[in-house]
Amino acid sequence: MILIADSGSTKTDWCVVDQEEIVRSIHTKGFNPFFQSEEEMEKEIVQTLLPSIHQQQIDSVYFYGAGCIFDKVEVMRRVIMRHIPAETVEAHTDLLGAARSLCGMEAGIACIMGTGSNSCFYDGEQIAKTVSPLGYILGDEGGGADLGKQLVKDLLKDMITPELKAAFFKRTNLTLSEIMDRVYRQPFPNRFLASFSPFLYDYIQEPSIHKLVLERFQSFLKRNVMKYNYRSYPAHFVGSVAHHFKAILEEAATDMGVRLGSIIKSPIDGLILYHSSDHTPAPVFFDI
């Protein structure tokens, strides 16, 4: 049996798979070796993951996660191998997972739009070109943290109506000082900012909210997708933000002349199909 993981900054979806059939699904907190210590990640594996798979014989593990770049790939592999004695353990960036899920063996532009955002041109086997996402402070255009950051900026600078501002503070029960503390002093401010996505979704019919989301999606397309050969290849999307704001993403793509392909919420189904087939390439432990 194989264990496949799709890990974002907020949560990780694990699936135990036997011949394309899901035997068990497990959900844990997100893993990011770029920001988390090995001890933090091991604690989540021991406390949440292992109790759910202790009776399963795992032969291979394929982990796709945010922050799995450069030397952090080996860090993630090491954490997994300490607790899951599988014959094969691979760790890859979540972007490769998205590309394999969305494109399979076909070339195309693969994009992630969840808590953060990312993109690449995938040649059918590996990532051939990327545009650096730069994280939620300098980049991640269109991701949940970026949308939340723009919303907070507009709220606190009175760029939206008083009624919307009142609705936001009533719903979140936050104060200005609490927002500043969560953004500048507490851990995982990107998750905090992304938590405002449901508010945006519920008020998407408001002109100012619709405009905010549309402009951030247009910015993602301009700064990322349009850096590839977007006239020849479709842009596929995976992630909760792309899924829930699909209509506005389609509107942005039409405005920018970008052809969209698949838009899915999670890459798990595609990764199950990919790793259950016989075309999986030789292991690559250091993704760039």
Protein backbone atom coordinates (compact mmCIF):
# COMPACT_ATOMS: atom_id res chain seq x y z
CA MET A 1 0.00 0.00 0.00
CA ILE A 2 1.07 3.57 -0.58
CA LEU A 3 0.62 6.69 1.53
CA ILE A 4 0.12 9.97 -0.34
CA ALA A 5 0.17 13.36 1.35
CA ASP A 6 -0.86 16.76 0.05
CA SER A 7 0.31 19.36 2.54
CA GLY A 8 -0.38 23.06 2.52
CA SER A 9 0.40 25.70 5.08
CA THR A 10 -2.89 25.11 6.89
CA LYS A 11 -3.65 21.38 6.65
CA THR A 12 -2.41 18.06 5.26
CA ASP A 13 -4.55 15.44 3.56
CA TRP A 14 -3.15 11.89 3.80
CA CYS A 15 -4.53 8.90 1.91
CA VAL A 16 -3.65 5.24 2.33
CA VAL A 17 -4.16 3.74 -1.13
CA ASP A 18 -4.30 0.13 -2.32
CA GLN A 19 -4.58 -0.34 -6.11
CA GLU A 20 -6.27 3.03 -6.74
CA GLU A 21 -8.71 2.49 -3.87
CA ILE A 22 -8.60 4.77 -0.83
CA VAL A 23 -8.31 2.58 2.26
CA ARG A 24 -8.14 5.43 4.75
CA SER A 25 -8.13 9.25 4.73
CA ILE A 26 -6.44 11.24 7.50
CA HIS A 27 -6.27 14.97 8.10
CA THR A 28 -3.52 16.66 10.10
CA LYS A 29 -2.13 20.14 10.52
CA GLY A 30 -0.04 21.57 7.72
CA PHE A 31 3.67 20.75 7.46
CA ASN A 32 6.23 23.24 6.24
CA PRO A 33 9.90 22.36 6.87
CA PHE A 34 10.86 25.88 5.84
CA PHE A 35 9.13 27.36 8.88
CA GLN A 36 8.70 24.44 11.28
CA SER A 37 11.27 22.49 13.26
CA GLU A 38 11.66 18.74 12.90
CA GLU A 39 10.36 18.37 16.44
CA GLU A 40 7.14 20.24 15.64
CA MET A 41 6.47 18.13 12.56
CA GLU A 42 7.31 14.86 14.31
CA LYS A 43 4.90 15.70 17.11
CA GLU A 44 2.02 16.02 14.65
CA ILE A 45 2.97 12.77 12.91
CA VAL A 46 3.15 10.86 16.20
CA GLN A 47 0.02 12.32 17.75
CA THR A 48 -2.32 12.52 14.75
CA LEU A 49 -1.07 10.47 11.79
CA LEU A 50 0.39 7.30 13.27
CA PRO A 51 -2.66 6.34 15.40
CA SER A 52 -4.69 6.31 12.18
CA ILE A 53 -2.35 4.08 10.15
CA HIS A 54 -0.74 1.83 12.75
CA GLN A 55 -2.43 -1.31 11.38
CA GLN A 56 -1.55 -0.58 7.75
CA GLN A 57 1.57 -1.90 6.04
CA ILE A 58 2.93 1.09 4.13
CA ASP A 59 5.32 0.23 1.29
CA SER A 60 5.77 3.71 -0.22
CA VAL A 61 5.24 7.29 0.92
CA TYR A 62 4.85 10.22 -1.50
CA PHE A 63 4.74 13.53 0.33
CA TYR A 64 4.01 16.78 -1.52
CA GLY A 65 4.24 19.88 0.60
CA ALA A 66 4.78 23.60 0.89
CA GLY A 67 8.36 24.45 1.81
CA CYS A 68 9.80 21.22 0.41
CA ILE A 69 12.57 22.89 -1.56
CA PHE A 70 16.34 22.61 -1.63
CA ASP A 71 17.72 20.98 1.55
CA LYS A 72 14.26 21.02 3.18
CA VAL A 73 13.28 18.08 0.98
CA GLU A 74 15.70 15.87 2.88
CA VAL A 75 14.49 17.29 6.19
CA MET A 76 10.93 16.24 5.38
CA ARG A 77 12.03 12.79 4.23
CA ARG A 78 14.02 12.31 7.43
CA VAL A 79 11.05 13.24 9.61
CA ILE A 80 8.78 10.75 7.81
CA MET A 81 11.33 7.92 7.74
CA ARG A 82 11.85 8.10 11.50
CA HIS A 83 8.26 6.99 12.05
CA ILE A 84 7.12 5.17 8.89
CA PRO A 85 9.44 2.29 7.88
CA ALA A 86 8.48 2.29 4.20
CA GLU A 87 10.76 0.98 1.47
CA THR A 88 10.32 4.18 -0.54
CA VAL A 89 9.89 7.66 0.93
CA GLU A 90 9.80 10.65 -1.39
CA ALA A 91 9.24 14.30 -0.56
CA HIS A 92 8.50 16.88 -3.21
CA THR A 93 7.25 20.41 -3.45
CA ASP A 94 3.48 20.83 -3.46
CA LEU A 95 3.85 22.43 -6.87
CA LEU A 96 5.07 19.17 -8.42
CA GLY A 97 2.16 17.43 -6.75
CA ALA A 98 -0.25 19.92 -8.29
CA ALA A 99 1.35 19.51 -11.72
CA ARG A 100 1.24 15.71 -11.61
CA SER A 101 -2.35 15.77 -10.42
CA LEU A 102 -3.59 18.36 -12.92
CA CYS A 103 -1.56 17.41 -15.98
CA GLY A 104 -0.55 13.78 -15.56
CA MET A 105 1.77 13.10 -18.48
CA GLU A 106 0.68 16.14 -20.50
CA ALA A 107 2.45 19.51 -20.67
CA GLY A 108 0.66 22.50 -19.20
CA ILE A 109 0.67 25.37 -16.73
CA ALA A 110 -0.11 24.22 -13.20
CA CYS A 111 -1.17 26.66 -10.49
CA ILE A 112 -1.90 26.46 -6.78
CA MET A 113 -4.32 28.90 -5.24
CA GLY A 114 -4.98 28.06 -1.61
CA THR A 115 -3.55 29.78 1.47
CA GLY A 116 -0.72 30.88 -0.81
CA SER A 117 -0.27 30.75 -4.57
CA ASN A 118 2.30 29.27 -6.91
CA SER A 119 2.71 28.27 -10.54
CA CYS A 120 4.92 26.42 -12.98
CA PHE A 121 5.22 25.14 -16.52
CA TYR A 122 5.20 21.34 -16.41
CA ASP A 123 6.65 19.45 -19.39
CA GLY A 124 4.76 16.23 -18.74
CA GLU A 125 7.40 14.77 -16.43
CA GLN A 126 8.97 17.50 -14.34
CA ILE A 127 8.72 21.20 -13.61
CA ALA A 128 10.50 22.98 -16.46
CA LYS A 129 10.03 26.60 -15.39
CA THR A 130 8.75 28.47 -12.37
CA VAL A 131 8.09 32.04 -11.30
CA SER A 132 9.01 32.50 -7.64
CA PRO A 133 5.85 32.95 -5.52
CA LEU A 134 7.84 35.09 -3.00
CA GLY A 135 5.53 34.31 -0.08
CA TYR A 136 2.54 36.17 1.31
CA ILE A 137 4.45 39.41 2.03
CA LEU A 138 6.07 39.94 -1.38
CA GLY A 139 3.91 37.74 -3.58
CA ASP A 140 1.38 34.88 -3.37
CA GLU A 141 -1.01 37.00 -5.43
CA GLY A 142 -4.58 35.70 -5.32
CA GLY A 143 -3.98 33.24 -2.50
CA GLY A 144 -6.07 33.27 0.65
CA ALA A 145 -3.47 35.16 2.69
CA ASP A 146 -3.10 37.76 -0.07
CA LEU A 147 -6.88 38.22 -0.28
CA GLY A 148 -7.12 38.51 3.50
CA LYS A 149 -4.26 40.99 3.63
CA GLN A 150 -5.91 43.18 1.00
CA LEU A 151 -9.23 42.97 2.83
CA VAL A 152 -7.65 44.08 6.12
CA LYS A 153 -5.81 46.92 4.39
CA ASP A 154 -9.04 48.12 2.78
CA LEU A 155 -10.95 47.79 6.05
CA LEU A 156 -8.47 49.70 8.15
CA LYS A 157 -8.02 52.46 5.59
CA ASP A 158 -11.80 52.85 5.07
CA MET A 159 -11.74 51.69 1.45
CA ILE A 160 -14.95 49.68 1.86
CA THR A 161 -18.39 50.69 3.13
CA PRO A 162 -19.04 51.23 6.84
CA GLU A 163 -21.66 48.48 6.68
CA LEU A 164 -19.13 45.91 5.44
CA LYS A 165 -16.60 47.04 7.99
CA ALA A 166 -19.12 46.62 10.78
CA ALA A 167 -20.11 43.20 9.45
CA PHE A 168 -16.47 42.10 9.44
CA PHE A 169 -15.77 43.11 13.04
CA LYS A 170 -19.05 41.64 14.25
CA ARG A 171 -18.33 38.33 12.54
CA THR A 172 -14.70 37.99 13.59
CA ASN A 173 -15.01 39.60 17.03
CA LEU A 174 -11.56 41.11 16.50
CA THR A 175 -10.18 44.49 17.47
CA LEU A 176 -7.61 46.55 15.60
CA SER A 177 -4.94 45.77 18.20
CA GLU A 178 -5.70 42.05 17.99
CA ILE A 179 -5.36 42.10 14.21
CA MET A 180 -2.01 43.88 14.41
CA ASP A 181 -0.79 41.43 17.06
CA ARG A 182 -1.83 38.39 15.01
CA VAL A 183 -0.17 39.74 11.87
CA TYR A 184 3.07 41.08 13.32
CA ARG A 185 3.75 39.10 16.48
CA GLN A 186 1.97 35.74 16.44
CA PRO A 187 3.04 32.63 14.44
CA PHE A 188 1.51 31.79 11.07
CA PRO A 189 0.06 35.20 10.13
CA ASN A 190 -0.56 33.80 6.64
CA ARG A 191 -3.06 31.31 8.06
CA PHE A 192 -4.70 34.09 10.06
CA LEU A 193 -5.10 36.31 7.00
CA ALA A 194 -6.34 33.41 4.87
CA SER A 195 -9.05 32.72 7.47
CA PHE A 196 -10.92 35.76 6.13
CA SER A 197 -11.59 34.06 2.78
CA PRO A 198 -15.03 32.79 3.88
CA PHE A 199 -16.05 36.38 4.68
CA LEU A 200 -15.03 37.43 1.16
CA TYR A 201 -16.97 34.51 -0.29
CA ASP A 202 -20.13 35.36 1.65
CA TYR A 203 -19.99 39.02 0.56
CA ILE A 204 -18.76 38.46 -2.98
CA GLN A 205 -21.84 40.17 -4.44
CA GLU A 206 -20.74 43.45 -2.86
CA PRO A 207 -19.03 45.51 -5.61
CA SER A 208 -15.97 46.37 -3.51
CA ILE A 209 -15.39 42.72 -2.53
CA HIS A 210 -15.89 41.47 -6.08
CA LYS A 211 -13.41 44.08 -7.30
CA LEU A 212 -10.86 43.13 -4.63
CA VAL A 213 -10.88 39.43 -5.54
CA LEU A 214 -10.95 40.06 -9.29
CA GLU A 215 -7.96 42.41 -9.14
CA ARG A 216 -5.89 39.98 -7.03
CA PHE A 217 -6.65 37.16 -9.49
CA GLN A 218 -5.70 39.40 -12.41
CA SER A 219 -2.46 40.21 -10.61
CA PHE A 220 -1.72 36.49 -10.23
CA LEU A 221 -2.29 35.86 -13.91
CA LYS A 222 -0.19 38.85 -14.98
CA ARG A 223 2.73 38.20 -12.63
CA ASN A 224 2.78 34.41 -12.92
CA VAL A 225 0.76 32.63 -15.61
CA MET A 226 1.54 35.13 -18.33
CA LYS A 227 5.27 34.59 -17.77
CA TYR A 228 4.86 31.17 -19.42
CA ASN A 229 3.71 30.26 -22.93
CA TYR A 230 0.10 30.81 -21.90
CA ARG A 231 -1.15 31.22 -25.47
CA SER A 232 -0.18 27.64 -26.30
CA TYR A 233 -1.00 25.86 -23.05
CA PRO A 234 -4.00 25.97 -20.69
CA ALA A 235 -3.61 27.05 -17.07
CA HIS A 236 -4.90 24.49 -14.58
CA PHE A 237 -5.70 25.37 -10.97
CA VAL A 238 -5.90 23.48 -7.70
CA GLY A 239 -6.75 24.81 -4.26
CA SER A 240 -9.65 25.92 -2.12
CA VAL A 241 -9.54 29.56 -3.23
CA ALA A 242 -9.53 28.66 -6.93
CA HIS A 243 -12.36 26.20 -6.33
CA HIS A 244 -14.65 28.47 -4.33
CA PHE A 245 -14.00 31.61 -6.38
CA LYS A 246 -14.08 29.75 -9.70
CA ALA A 247 -16.48 32.20 -11.37
CA ILE A 248 -14.27 35.20 -10.63
CA LEU A 249 -11.14 33.30 -11.66
CA GLU A 250 -12.83 32.58 -14.99
CA GLU A 251 -13.75 36.26 -15.29
CA ALA A 252 -10.14 37.30 -14.62
CA ALA A 253 -8.83 34.78 -17.16
CA THR A 254 -11.22 36.05 -19.83
CA ASP A 255 -10.14 39.63 -19.15
CA MET A 256 -6.45 38.68 -19.43
CA GLY A 257 -6.76 36.35 -22.43
CA VAL A 258 -5.71 33.24 -20.48
CA ARG A 259 -7.21 29.85 -21.38
CA LEU A 260 -8.24 27.86 -18.31
CA GLY A 261 -8.13 24.10 -17.99
CA SER A 262 -9.16 22.15 -14.90
CA ILE A 263 -10.07 23.87 -11.63
CA ILE A 264 -10.14 21.43 -8.72
CA LYS A 265 -10.17 21.75 -4.94
CA SER A 266 -7.67 19.03 -4.05
CA PRO A 267 -4.91 17.21 -5.97
CA ILE A 268 -5.37 13.93 -4.11
CA ASP A 269 -7.52 12.12 -6.70
CA GLY A 270 -5.09 12.97 -9.49
CA LEU A 271 -2.09 11.93 -7.38
CA ILE A 272 -3.73 8.61 -6.56
CA LEU A 273 -4.19 7.94 -10.26
CA TYR A 274 -0.64 9.09 -11.02
CA HIS A 275 1.06 6.89 -8.42
CA SER A 276 -1.17 3.90 -9.08
CA SER A 277 -0.17 3.78 -12.74
CA ASP A 278 3.05 2.38 -14.18
CA HIS A 279 4.49 5.63 -15.56
CA THR A 280 5.88 7.05 -12.31
CA PRO A 281 9.44 8.27 -12.98
CA ALA A 282 12.46 7.38 -10.90
CA PRO A 283 12.54 9.08 -7.49
CA VAL A 284 13.72 12.68 -7.43
CA PHE A 285 14.58 13.74 -3.90
CA PHE A 286 15.80 17.28 -4.51
CA ASP A 287 13.25 19.43 -6.31
CA ILE A 288 14.28 22.95 -7.27
